mmCIF file of all heavy atoms, coordinates in Angstrom:
data_MODEL
# 
_entry.id   MODEL 
# 
loop_
_atom_site.group_PDB 
_atom_site.id 
_atom_site.type_symbol 
_atom_site.label_atom_id 
_atom_site.label_alt_id 
_atom_site.label_comp_id 
_atom_site.label_asym_id 
_atom_site.label_entity_id 
_atom_site.label_seq_id 
_atom_site.pdbx_PDB_ins_code 
_atom_site.Cartn_x 
_atom_site.Cartn_y 
_atom_site.Cartn_z 
_atom_site.occupancy 
_atom_site.B_iso_or_equiv 
_atom_site.pdbx_formal_charge 
_atom_site.auth_seq_id 
_atom_site.auth_comp_id 
_atom_site.auth_asym_id 
_atom_site.auth_atom_id 
_atom_site.pdbx_PDB_model_num 
ATOM 1   N N   . THR A 1 1  ? 0.988   -10.036 17.940 1.00 0.00 ? 1  THR A N   1 
ATOM 2   C CA  . THR A 1 1  ? 1.097   -9.048  16.892 1.00 0.00 ? 1  THR A CA  1 
ATOM 3   C C   . THR A 1 1  ? -0.185  -8.535  16.333 1.00 0.00 ? 1  THR A C   1 
ATOM 4   O O   . THR A 1 1  ? -0.324  -7.381  15.954 1.00 0.00 ? 1  THR A O   1 
ATOM 5   C CB  . THR A 1 1  ? 1.899   -9.620  15.648 1.00 0.00 ? 1  THR A CB  1 
ATOM 6   O OG1 . THR A 1 1  ? 1.313   -10.807 15.193 1.00 0.00 ? 1  THR A OG1 1 
ATOM 7   C CG2 . THR A 1 1  ? 3.376   -9.927  16.177 1.00 0.00 ? 1  THR A CG2 1 
ATOM 8   N N   . GLY A 1 2  ? -1.228  -9.383  16.422 1.00 0.00 ? 2  GLY A N   1 
ATOM 9   C CA  . GLY A 1 2  ? -2.575  -8.949  15.996 1.00 0.00 ? 2  GLY A CA  1 
ATOM 10  C C   . GLY A 1 2  ? -3.135  -7.875  17.006 1.00 0.00 ? 2  GLY A C   1 
ATOM 11  O O   . GLY A 1 2  ? -3.777  -6.915  16.605 1.00 0.00 ? 2  GLY A O   1 
ATOM 12  N N   . LEU A 1 3  ? -2.834  -8.092  18.292 1.00 0.00 ? 3  LEU A N   1 
ATOM 13  C CA  . LEU A 1 3  ? -3.267  -7.128  19.273 1.00 0.00 ? 3  LEU A CA  1 
ATOM 14  C C   . LEU A 1 3  ? -2.502  -5.782  19.021 1.00 0.00 ? 3  LEU A C   1 
ATOM 15  O O   . LEU A 1 3  ? -3.124  -4.642  19.168 1.00 0.00 ? 3  LEU A O   1 
ATOM 16  C CB  . LEU A 1 3  ? -3.011  -7.660  20.688 1.00 0.00 ? 3  LEU A CB  1 
ATOM 17  C CG  . LEU A 1 3  ? -3.373  -6.772  21.830 1.00 0.00 ? 3  LEU A CG  1 
ATOM 18  C CD1 . LEU A 1 3  ? -4.855  -6.433  21.893 1.00 0.00 ? 3  LEU A CD1 1 
ATOM 19  C CD2 . LEU A 1 3  ? -2.958  -7.373  23.188 1.00 0.00 ? 3  LEU A CD2 1 
ATOM 20  N N   . LEU A 1 4  ? -1.237  -5.907  18.774 1.00 0.00 ? 4  LEU A N   1 
ATOM 21  C CA  . LEU A 1 4  ? -0.450  -4.699  18.464 1.00 0.00 ? 4  LEU A CA  1 
ATOM 22  C C   . LEU A 1 4  ? -0.931  -3.938  17.228 1.00 0.00 ? 4  LEU A C   1 
ATOM 23  O O   . LEU A 1 4  ? -1.082  -2.727  17.172 1.00 0.00 ? 4  LEU A O   1 
ATOM 24  C CB  . LEU A 1 4  ? 1.018   -5.068  18.307 1.00 0.00 ? 4  LEU A CB  1 
ATOM 25  C CG  . LEU A 1 4  ? 2.005   -3.956  17.958 1.00 0.00 ? 4  LEU A CG  1 
ATOM 26  C CD1 . LEU A 1 4  ? 2.062   -2.919  19.106 1.00 0.00 ? 4  LEU A CD1 1 
ATOM 27  C CD2 . LEU A 1 4  ? 3.406   -4.516  17.653 1.00 0.00 ? 4  LEU A CD2 1 
ATOM 28  N N   . ARG A 1 5  ? -1.318  -4.782  16.258 1.00 0.00 ? 5  ARG A N   1 
ATOM 29  C CA  . ARG A 1 5  ? -1.971  -4.209  15.042 1.00 0.00 ? 5  ARG A CA  1 
ATOM 30  C C   . ARG A 1 5  ? -3.196  -3.374  15.380 1.00 0.00 ? 5  ARG A C   1 
ATOM 31  O O   . ARG A 1 5  ? -3.317  -2.222  14.845 1.00 0.00 ? 5  ARG A O   1 
ATOM 32  C CB  . ARG A 1 5  ? -2.259  -5.340  14.064 1.00 0.00 ? 5  ARG A CB  1 
ATOM 33  C CG  . ARG A 1 5  ? -2.990  -4.874  12.808 1.00 0.00 ? 5  ARG A CG  1 
ATOM 34  C CD  . ARG A 1 5  ? -3.656  -6.141  12.170 1.00 0.00 ? 5  ARG A CD  1 
ATOM 35  N NE  . ARG A 1 5  ? -4.843  -6.515  12.929 1.00 0.00 ? 5  ARG A NE  1 
ATOM 36  C CZ  . ARG A 1 5  ? -5.449  -7.752  12.726 1.00 0.00 ? 5  ARG A CZ  1 
ATOM 37  N NH1 . ARG A 1 5  ? -5.010  -8.525  11.828 1.00 0.00 ? 5  ARG A NH1 1 
ATOM 38  N NH2 . ARG A 1 5  ? -6.501  -8.042  13.452 1.00 0.00 ? 5  ARG A NH2 1 
ATOM 39  N N   . GLU A 1 6  ? -4.114  -3.941  16.104 1.00 0.00 ? 6  GLU A N   1 
ATOM 40  C CA  . GLU A 1 6  ? -5.348  -3.256  16.452 1.00 0.00 ? 6  GLU A CA  1 
ATOM 41  C C   . GLU A 1 6  ? -5.005  -1.917  17.226 1.00 0.00 ? 6  GLU A C   1 
ATOM 42  O O   . GLU A 1 6  ? -5.684  -0.908  16.973 1.00 0.00 ? 6  GLU A O   1 
ATOM 43  C CB  . GLU A 1 6  ? -6.306  -4.110  17.211 1.00 0.00 ? 6  GLU A CB  1 
ATOM 44  C CG  . GLU A 1 6  ? -6.762  -5.373  16.468 1.00 0.00 ? 6  GLU A CG  1 
ATOM 45  C CD  . GLU A 1 6  ? -7.470  -4.923  15.178 1.00 0.00 ? 6  GLU A CD  1 
ATOM 46  O OE1 . GLU A 1 6  ? -8.278  -3.977  15.257 1.00 0.00 ? 6  GLU A OE1 1 
ATOM 47  O OE2 . GLU A 1 6  ? -7.307  -5.605  14.207 1.00 0.00 ? 6  GLU A OE2 1 
ATOM 48  N N   . SER A 1 7  ? -4.033  -2.022  18.136 1.00 0.00 ? 7  SER A N   1 
ATOM 49  C CA  . SER A 1 7  ? -3.695  -0.802  18.923 1.00 0.00 ? 7  SER A CA  1 
ATOM 50  C C   . SER A 1 7  ? -3.156  0.293   18.047 1.00 0.00 ? 7  SER A C   1 
ATOM 51  O O   . SER A 1 7  ? -3.525  1.438   18.134 1.00 0.00 ? 7  SER A O   1 
ATOM 52  C CB  . SER A 1 7  ? -2.710  -1.196  19.995 1.00 0.00 ? 7  SER A CB  1 
ATOM 53  O OG  . SER A 1 7  ? -3.228  -2.183  20.907 1.00 0.00 ? 7  SER A OG  1 
ATOM 54  N N   . ILE A 1 8  ? -2.288  -0.119  17.141 1.00 0.00 ? 8  ILE A N   1 
ATOM 55  C CA  . ILE A 1 8  ? -1.714  0.886   16.191 1.00 0.00 ? 8  ILE A CA  1 
ATOM 56  C C   . ILE A 1 8  ? -2.725  1.494   15.272 1.00 0.00 ? 8  ILE A C   1 
ATOM 57  O O   . ILE A 1 8  ? -2.778  2.735   15.032 1.00 0.00 ? 8  ILE A O   1 
ATOM 58  C CB  . ILE A 1 8  ? -0.598  0.269   15.362 1.00 0.00 ? 8  ILE A CB  1 
ATOM 59  C CG1 . ILE A 1 8  ? 0.624   -0.035  16.345 1.00 0.00 ? 8  ILE A CG1 1 
ATOM 60  C CG2 . ILE A 1 8  ? -0.096  1.190   14.222 1.00 0.00 ? 8  ILE A CG2 1 
ATOM 61  C CD1 . ILE A 1 8  ? 1.814   -0.743  15.682 1.00 0.00 ? 8  ILE A CD1 1 
ATOM 62  N N   . LEU A 1 9  ? -3.658  0.660   14.763 1.00 0.00 ? 9  LEU A N   1 
ATOM 63  C CA  . LEU A 1 9  ? -4.769  1.170   13.906 1.00 0.00 ? 9  LEU A CA  1 
ATOM 64  C C   . LEU A 1 9  ? -5.565  2.233   14.635 1.00 0.00 ? 9  LEU A C   1 
ATOM 65  O O   . LEU A 1 9  ? -6.040  3.282   14.155 1.00 0.00 ? 9  LEU A O   1 
ATOM 66  C CB  . LEU A 1 9  ? -5.606  0.022   13.375 1.00 0.00 ? 9  LEU A CB  1 
ATOM 67  C CG  . LEU A 1 9  ? -4.985  -0.836  12.314 1.00 0.00 ? 9  LEU A CG  1 
ATOM 68  C CD1 . LEU A 1 9  ? -5.984  -1.883  11.864 1.00 0.00 ? 9  LEU A CD1 1 
ATOM 69  C CD2 . LEU A 1 9  ? -4.506  -0.092  11.151 1.00 0.00 ? 9  LEU A CD2 1 
ATOM 70  N N   . ALA A 1 10 ? -5.897  1.924   15.898 1.00 0.00 ? 10 ALA A N   1 
ATOM 71  C CA  . ALA A 1 10 ? -6.665  2.763   16.754 1.00 0.00 ? 10 ALA A CA  1 
ATOM 72  C C   . ALA A 1 10 ? -5.942  4.047   16.977 1.00 0.00 ? 10 ALA A C   1 
ATOM 73  O O   . ALA A 1 10 ? -6.554  5.174   17.076 1.00 0.00 ? 10 ALA A O   1 
ATOM 74  C CB  . ALA A 1 10 ? -7.093  2.099   18.020 1.00 0.00 ? 10 ALA A CB  1 
ATOM 75  N N   . TRP A 1 11 ? -4.654  4.009   17.247 1.00 0.00 ? 11 TRP A N   1 
ATOM 76  C CA  . TRP A 1 11 ? -3.795  5.097   17.471 1.00 0.00 ? 11 TRP A CA  1 
ATOM 77  C C   . TRP A 1 11 ? -3.641  6.075   16.299 1.00 0.00 ? 11 TRP A C   1 
ATOM 78  O O   . TRP A 1 11 ? -3.759  7.289   16.360 1.00 0.00 ? 11 TRP A O   1 
ATOM 79  C CB  . TRP A 1 11 ? -2.469  4.641   18.077 1.00 0.00 ? 11 TRP A CB  1 
ATOM 80  C CG  . TRP A 1 11 ? -1.506  5.845   18.240 1.00 0.00 ? 11 TRP A CG  1 
ATOM 81  C CD1 . TRP A 1 11 ? -1.654  6.885   19.033 1.00 0.00 ? 11 TRP A CD1 1 
ATOM 82  C CD2 . TRP A 1 11 ? -0.221  5.954   17.630 1.00 0.00 ? 11 TRP A CD2 1 
ATOM 83  N NE1 . TRP A 1 11 ? -0.528  7.699   18.989 1.00 0.00 ? 11 TRP A NE1 1 
ATOM 84  C CE2 . TRP A 1 11 ? 0.357   7.155   18.173 1.00 0.00 ? 11 TRP A CE2 1 
ATOM 85  C CE3 . TRP A 1 11 ? 0.546   5.232   16.782 1.00 0.00 ? 11 TRP A CE3 1 
ATOM 86  C CZ2 . TRP A 1 11 ? 1.633   7.590   17.759 1.00 0.00 ? 11 TRP A CZ2 1 
ATOM 87  C CZ3 . TRP A 1 11 ? 1.790   5.678   16.329 1.00 0.00 ? 11 TRP A CZ3 1 
ATOM 88  C CH2 . TRP A 1 11 ? 2.293   6.847   16.822 1.00 0.00 ? 11 TRP A CH2 1 
ATOM 89  N N   . VAL A 1 12 ? -3.400  5.413   15.136 1.00 0.00 ? 12 VAL A N   1 
ATOM 90  C CA  . VAL A 1 12 ? -3.141  6.154   13.879 1.00 0.00 ? 12 VAL A CA  1 
ATOM 91  C C   . VAL A 1 12 ? -4.469  6.799   13.309 1.00 0.00 ? 12 VAL A C   1 
ATOM 92  O O   . VAL A 1 12 ? -4.569  7.948   12.985 1.00 0.00 ? 12 VAL A O   1 
ATOM 93  C CB  . VAL A 1 12 ? -2.492  5.347   12.833 1.00 0.00 ? 12 VAL A CB  1 
ATOM 94  C CG1 . VAL A 1 12 ? -2.314  6.122   11.521 1.00 0.00 ? 12 VAL A CG1 1 
ATOM 95  C CG2 . VAL A 1 12 ? -1.128  4.923   13.335 1.00 0.00 ? 12 VAL A CG2 1 
ATOM 96  N N   . PHE A 1 13 ? -5.502  6.024   13.265 1.00 0.00 ? 13 PHE A N   1 
ATOM 97  C CA  . PHE A 1 13 ? -6.698  6.420   12.573 1.00 0.00 ? 13 PHE A CA  1 
ATOM 98  C C   . PHE A 1 13 ? -7.851  6.844   13.513 1.00 0.00 ? 13 PHE A C   1 
ATOM 99  O O   . PHE A 1 13 ? -8.774  7.602   13.106 1.00 0.00 ? 13 PHE A O   1 
ATOM 100 C CB  . PHE A 1 13 ? -7.197  5.310   11.642 1.00 0.00 ? 13 PHE A CB  1 
ATOM 101 C CG  . PHE A 1 13 ? -6.264  4.963   10.565 1.00 0.00 ? 13 PHE A CG  1 
ATOM 102 C CD1 . PHE A 1 13 ? -5.404  3.885   10.635 1.00 0.00 ? 13 PHE A CD1 1 
ATOM 103 C CD2 . PHE A 1 13 ? -6.202  5.781   9.425  1.00 0.00 ? 13 PHE A CD2 1 
ATOM 104 C CE1 . PHE A 1 13 ? -4.542  3.557   9.664  1.00 0.00 ? 13 PHE A CE1 1 
ATOM 105 C CE2 . PHE A 1 13 ? -5.265  5.472   8.402  1.00 0.00 ? 13 PHE A CE2 1 
ATOM 106 C CZ  . PHE A 1 13 ? -4.453  4.341   8.547  1.00 0.00 ? 13 PHE A CZ  1 
ATOM 107 N N   . GLY A 1 14 ? -7.879  6.315   14.747 1.00 0.00 ? 14 GLY A N   1 
ATOM 108 C CA  . GLY A 1 14 ? -8.965  6.578   15.635 1.00 0.00 ? 14 GLY A CA  1 
ATOM 109 C C   . GLY A 1 14 ? -10.309 6.200   15.154 1.00 0.00 ? 14 GLY A C   1 
ATOM 110 O O   . GLY A 1 14 ? -10.430 5.194   14.394 1.00 0.00 ? 14 GLY A O   1 
ATOM 111 N N   . SER A 1 15 ? -11.309 6.885   15.506 1.00 0.00 ? 15 SER A N   1 
ATOM 112 C CA  . SER A 1 15 ? -12.619 6.637   14.970 1.00 0.00 ? 15 SER A CA  1 
ATOM 113 C C   . SER A 1 15 ? -12.957 7.542   13.790 1.00 0.00 ? 15 SER A C   1 
ATOM 114 O O   . SER A 1 15 ? -13.472 8.659   13.987 1.00 0.00 ? 15 SER A O   1 
ATOM 115 C CB  . SER A 1 15 ? -13.738 6.838   16.088 1.00 0.00 ? 15 SER A CB  1 
ATOM 116 O OG  . SER A 1 15 ? -14.986 6.572   15.613 1.00 0.00 ? 15 SER A OG  1 
ATOM 117 N N   . SER A 1 16 ? -12.493 7.135   12.602 1.00 0.00 ? 16 SER A N   1 
ATOM 118 C CA  . SER A 1 16 ? -12.597 7.982   11.414 1.00 0.00 ? 16 SER A CA  1 
ATOM 119 C C   . SER A 1 16 ? -13.425 7.342   10.366 1.00 0.00 ? 16 SER A C   1 
ATOM 120 O O   . SER A 1 16 ? -13.641 6.163   10.306 1.00 0.00 ? 16 SER A O   1 
ATOM 121 C CB  . SER A 1 16 ? -11.139 8.241   10.871 1.00 0.00 ? 16 SER A CB  1 
ATOM 122 O OG  . SER A 1 16 ? -10.581 7.070   10.409 1.00 0.00 ? 16 SER A OG  1 
ATOM 123 N N   . LYS A 1 17 ? -13.910 8.163   9.482  1.00 0.00 ? 17 LYS A N   1 
ATOM 124 C CA  . LYS A 1 17 ? -14.739 7.703   8.381  1.00 0.00 ? 17 LYS A CA  1 
ATOM 125 C C   . LYS A 1 17 ? -13.885 6.869   7.396  1.00 0.00 ? 17 LYS A C   1 
ATOM 126 O O   . LYS A 1 17 ? -14.402 5.908   6.869  1.00 0.00 ? 17 LYS A O   1 
ATOM 127 C CB  . LYS A 1 17 ? -15.341 8.917   7.591  1.00 0.00 ? 17 LYS A CB  1 
ATOM 128 C CG  . LYS A 1 17 ? -16.319 9.721   8.439  1.00 0.00 ? 17 LYS A CG  1 
ATOM 129 C CD  . LYS A 1 17 ? -16.862 10.883  7.620  1.00 0.00 ? 17 LYS A CD  1 
ATOM 130 C CE  . LYS A 1 17 ? -17.892 11.717  8.383  1.00 0.00 ? 17 LYS A CE  1 
ATOM 131 N NZ  . LYS A 1 17 ? -18.415 12.880  7.643  1.00 0.00 ? 17 LYS A NZ  1 
ATOM 132 N N   . ASP A 1 18 ? -12.664 7.235   7.284  1.00 0.00 ? 18 ASP A N   1 
ATOM 133 C CA  . ASP A 1 18 ? -11.742 6.475   6.375  1.00 0.00 ? 18 ASP A CA  1 
ATOM 134 C C   . ASP A 1 18 ? -11.561 5.048   6.915  1.00 0.00 ? 18 ASP A C   1 
ATOM 135 O O   . ASP A 1 18 ? -11.571 4.045   6.110  1.00 0.00 ? 18 ASP A O   1 
ATOM 136 C CB  . ASP A 1 18 ? -10.393 7.126   6.209  1.00 0.00 ? 18 ASP A CB  1 
ATOM 137 C CG  . ASP A 1 18 ? -10.534 8.325   5.226  1.00 0.00 ? 18 ASP A CG  1 
ATOM 138 O OD1 . ASP A 1 18 ? -11.596 8.619   4.745  1.00 0.00 ? 18 ASP A OD1 1 
ATOM 139 O OD2 . ASP A 1 18 ? -9.453  8.904   5.061  1.00 0.00 ? 18 ASP A OD2 1 
ATOM 140 N N   . LEU A 1 19 ? -11.390 4.936   8.196  1.00 0.00 ? 19 LEU A N   1 
ATOM 141 C CA  . LEU A 1 19 ? -11.205 3.589   8.844  1.00 0.00 ? 19 LEU A CA  1 
ATOM 142 C C   . LEU A 1 19 ? -12.440 2.806   8.676  1.00 0.00 ? 19 LEU A C   1 
ATOM 143 O O   . LEU A 1 19 ? -12.432 1.595   8.449  1.00 0.00 ? 19 LEU A O   1 
ATOM 144 C CB  . LEU A 1 19 ? -10.772 3.692   10.273 1.00 0.00 ? 19 LEU A CB  1 
ATOM 145 C CG  . LEU A 1 19 ? -10.395 2.362   10.956 1.00 0.00 ? 19 LEU A CG  1 
ATOM 146 C CD1 . LEU A 1 19 ? -9.249  1.642   10.272 1.00 0.00 ? 19 LEU A CD1 1 
ATOM 147 C CD2 . LEU A 1 19 ? -10.009 2.608   12.396 1.00 0.00 ? 19 LEU A CD2 1 
ATOM 148 N N   . ASP A 1 20 ? -13.636 3.361   8.886  1.00 0.00 ? 20 ASP A N   1 
ATOM 149 C CA  . ASP A 1 20 ? -14.862 2.705   8.697  1.00 0.00 ? 20 ASP A CA  1 
ATOM 150 C C   . ASP A 1 20 ? -15.002 2.179   7.325  1.00 0.00 ? 20 ASP A C   1 
ATOM 151 O O   . ASP A 1 20 ? -15.406 1.004   7.104  1.00 0.00 ? 20 ASP A O   1 
ATOM 152 C CB  . ASP A 1 20 ? -16.025 3.636   8.970  1.00 0.00 ? 20 ASP A CB  1 
ATOM 153 C CG  . ASP A 1 20 ? -16.205 4.018   10.445 1.00 0.00 ? 20 ASP A CG  1 
ATOM 154 O OD1 . ASP A 1 20 ? -15.612 3.316   11.234 1.00 0.00 ? 20 ASP A OD1 1 
ATOM 155 O OD2 . ASP A 1 20 ? -16.856 5.055   10.713 1.00 0.00 ? 20 ASP A OD2 1 
ATOM 156 N N   . ALA A 1 21 ? -14.597 2.939   6.324  1.00 0.00 ? 21 ALA A N   1 
ATOM 157 C CA  . ALA A 1 21 ? -14.655 2.500   4.945  1.00 0.00 ? 21 ALA A CA  1 
ATOM 158 C C   . ALA A 1 21 ? -13.743 1.329   4.727  1.00 0.00 ? 21 ALA A C   1 
ATOM 159 O O   . ALA A 1 21 ? -14.052 0.362   3.976  1.00 0.00 ? 21 ALA A O   1 
ATOM 160 C CB  . ALA A 1 21 ? -14.285 3.679   3.955  1.00 0.00 ? 21 ALA A CB  1 
ATOM 161 N N   . PHE A 1 22 ? -12.506 1.417   5.285  1.00 0.00 ? 22 PHE A N   1 
ATOM 162 C CA  . PHE A 1 22 ? -11.602 0.363   5.131  1.00 0.00 ? 22 PHE A CA  1 
ATOM 163 C C   . PHE A 1 22 ? -12.078 -0.957  5.734  1.00 0.00 ? 22 PHE A C   1 
ATOM 164 O O   . PHE A 1 22 ? -11.945 -2.076  5.188  1.00 0.00 ? 22 PHE A O   1 
ATOM 165 C CB  . PHE A 1 22 ? -10.219 0.766   5.772  1.00 0.00 ? 22 PHE A CB  1 
ATOM 166 C CG  . PHE A 1 22 ? -9.253  -0.380  5.915  1.00 0.00 ? 22 PHE A CG  1 
ATOM 167 C CD1 . PHE A 1 22 ? -8.478  -0.778  4.783  1.00 0.00 ? 22 PHE A CD1 1 
ATOM 168 C CD2 . PHE A 1 22 ? -9.150  -1.142  7.109  1.00 0.00 ? 22 PHE A CD2 1 
ATOM 169 C CE1 . PHE A 1 22 ? -7.565  -1.836  4.929  1.00 0.00 ? 22 PHE A CE1 1 
ATOM 170 C CE2 . PHE A 1 22 ? -8.221  -2.184  7.160  1.00 0.00 ? 22 PHE A CE2 1 
ATOM 171 C CZ  . PHE A 1 22 ? -7.446  -2.520  6.113  1.00 0.00 ? 22 PHE A CZ  1 
ATOM 172 N N   . LEU A 1 23 ? -12.670 -0.906  6.977  1.00 0.00 ? 23 LEU A N   1 
ATOM 173 C CA  . LEU A 1 23 ? -13.045 -2.079  7.644  1.00 0.00 ? 23 LEU A CA  1 
ATOM 174 C C   . LEU A 1 23 ? -14.217 -2.792  6.908  1.00 0.00 ? 23 LEU A C   1 
ATOM 175 O O   . LEU A 1 23 ? -14.273 -4.004  6.819  1.00 0.00 ? 23 LEU A O   1 
ATOM 176 C CB  . LEU A 1 23 ? -13.599 -1.715  9.052  1.00 0.00 ? 23 LEU A CB  1 
ATOM 177 C CG  . LEU A 1 23 ? -12.501 -1.261  10.005 1.00 0.00 ? 23 LEU A CG  1 
ATOM 178 C CD1 . LEU A 1 23 ? -13.087 -0.771  11.373 1.00 0.00 ? 23 LEU A CD1 1 
ATOM 179 C CD2 . LEU A 1 23 ? -11.438 -2.313  10.236 1.00 0.00 ? 23 LEU A CD2 1 
ATOM 180 N N   . ILE A 1 24 ? -15.078 -2.026  6.268  1.00 0.00 ? 24 ILE A N   1 
ATOM 181 C CA  . ILE A 1 24 ? -16.155 -2.604  5.449  1.00 0.00 ? 24 ILE A CA  1 
ATOM 182 C C   . ILE A 1 24 ? -15.549 -3.250  4.183  1.00 0.00 ? 24 ILE A C   1 
ATOM 183 O O   . ILE A 1 24 ? -15.852 -4.344  3.828  1.00 0.00 ? 24 ILE A O   1 
ATOM 184 C CB  . ILE A 1 24 ? -17.182 -1.603  5.110  1.00 0.00 ? 24 ILE A CB  1 
ATOM 185 C CG1 . ILE A 1 24 ? -17.938 -1.132  6.370  1.00 0.00 ? 24 ILE A CG1 1 
ATOM 186 C CG2 . ILE A 1 24 ? -18.178 -2.113  4.048  1.00 0.00 ? 24 ILE A CG2 1 
ATOM 187 C CD1 . ILE A 1 24 ? -18.902 -0.014  6.107  1.00 0.00 ? 24 ILE A CD1 1 
ATOM 188 N N   . ALA A 1 25 ? -14.664 -2.517  3.560  1.00 0.00 ? 25 ALA A N   1 
ATOM 189 C CA  . ALA A 1 25 ? -14.040 -2.940  2.346  1.00 0.00 ? 25 ALA A CA  1 
ATOM 190 C C   . ALA A 1 25 ? -13.200 -4.220  2.634  1.00 0.00 ? 25 ALA A C   1 
ATOM 191 O O   . ALA A 1 25 ? -13.172 -5.219  1.807  1.00 0.00 ? 25 ALA A O   1 
ATOM 192 C CB  . ALA A 1 25 ? -13.152 -1.886  1.749  1.00 0.00 ? 25 ALA A CB  1 
ATOM 193 N N   . ASN A 1 26 ? -12.518 -4.277  3.724  1.00 0.00 ? 26 ASN A N   1 
ATOM 194 C CA  . ASN A 1 26 ? -11.706 -5.423  4.148  1.00 0.00 ? 26 ASN A CA  1 
ATOM 195 C C   . ASN A 1 26 ? -12.566 -6.629  4.500  1.00 0.00 ? 26 ASN A C   1 
ATOM 196 O O   . ASN A 1 26 ? -12.135 -7.783  4.286  1.00 0.00 ? 26 ASN A O   1 
ATOM 197 C CB  . ASN A 1 26 ? -10.786 -5.012  5.288  1.00 0.00 ? 26 ASN A CB  1 
ATOM 198 C CG  . ASN A 1 26 ? -9.665  -6.066  5.476  1.00 0.00 ? 26 ASN A CG  1 
ATOM 199 O OD1 . ASN A 1 26 ? -9.135  -6.560  4.578  1.00 0.00 ? 26 ASN A OD1 1 
ATOM 200 N ND2 . ASN A 1 26 ? -9.331  -6.288  6.746  1.00 0.00 ? 26 ASN A ND2 1 
ATOM 201 N N   . ARG A 1 27 ? -13.758 -6.379  5.009  1.00 0.00 ? 27 ARG A N   1 
ATOM 202 C CA  . ARG A 1 27 ? -14.585 -7.501  5.391  1.00 0.00 ? 27 ARG A CA  1 
ATOM 203 C C   . ARG A 1 27 ? -15.164 -8.228  4.232  1.00 0.00 ? 27 ARG A C   1 
ATOM 204 O O   . ARG A 1 27 ? -15.378 -9.431  4.363  1.00 0.00 ? 27 ARG A O   1 
ATOM 205 C CB  . ARG A 1 27 ? -15.790 -6.921  6.229  1.00 0.00 ? 27 ARG A CB  1 
ATOM 206 C CG  . ARG A 1 27 ? -16.713 -7.982  6.799  1.00 0.00 ? 27 ARG A CG  1 
ATOM 207 C CD  . ARG A 1 27 ? -15.901 -8.897  7.685  1.00 0.00 ? 27 ARG A CD  1 
ATOM 208 N NE  . ARG A 1 27 ? -16.694 -10.061 8.082  1.00 0.00 ? 27 ARG A NE  1 
ATOM 209 C CZ  . ARG A 1 27 ? -16.092 -11.231 8.484  1.00 0.00 ? 27 ARG A CZ  1 
ATOM 210 N NH1 . ARG A 1 27 ? -14.822 -11.357 8.502  1.00 0.00 ? 27 ARG A NH1 1 
ATOM 211 N NH2 . ARG A 1 27 ? -16.903 -12.276 8.851  1.00 0.00 ? 27 ARG A NH2 1 
ATOM 212 N N   . ILE A 1 28 ? -15.383 -7.597  3.127  1.00 0.00 ? 28 ILE A N   1 
ATOM 213 C CA  . ILE A 1 28 ? -16.045 -8.282  1.911  1.00 0.00 ? 28 ILE A CA  1 
ATOM 214 C C   . ILE A 1 28 ? -15.155 -9.418  1.417  1.00 0.00 ? 28 ILE A C   1 
ATOM 215 O O   . ILE A 1 28 ? -15.577 -10.591 1.283  1.00 0.00 ? 28 ILE A O   1 
ATOM 216 C CB  . ILE A 1 28 ? -16.371 -7.277  0.858  1.00 0.00 ? 28 ILE A CB  1 
ATOM 217 C CG1 . ILE A 1 28 ? -17.468 -6.346  1.403  1.00 0.00 ? 28 ILE A CG1 1 
ATOM 218 C CG2 . ILE A 1 28 ? -16.801 -7.975  -0.427 1.00 0.00 ? 28 ILE A CG2 1 
ATOM 219 C CD1 . ILE A 1 28 ? -17.815 -5.191  0.469  1.00 0.00 ? 28 ILE A CD1 1 
# 
């Protein structure tokens, strides 16, 4: 399900500035 999660995130958001912001925010 983690692999499915990553695939869906890539499909929905792609390489976007919003996703970059989320990944940094989620990492903290």
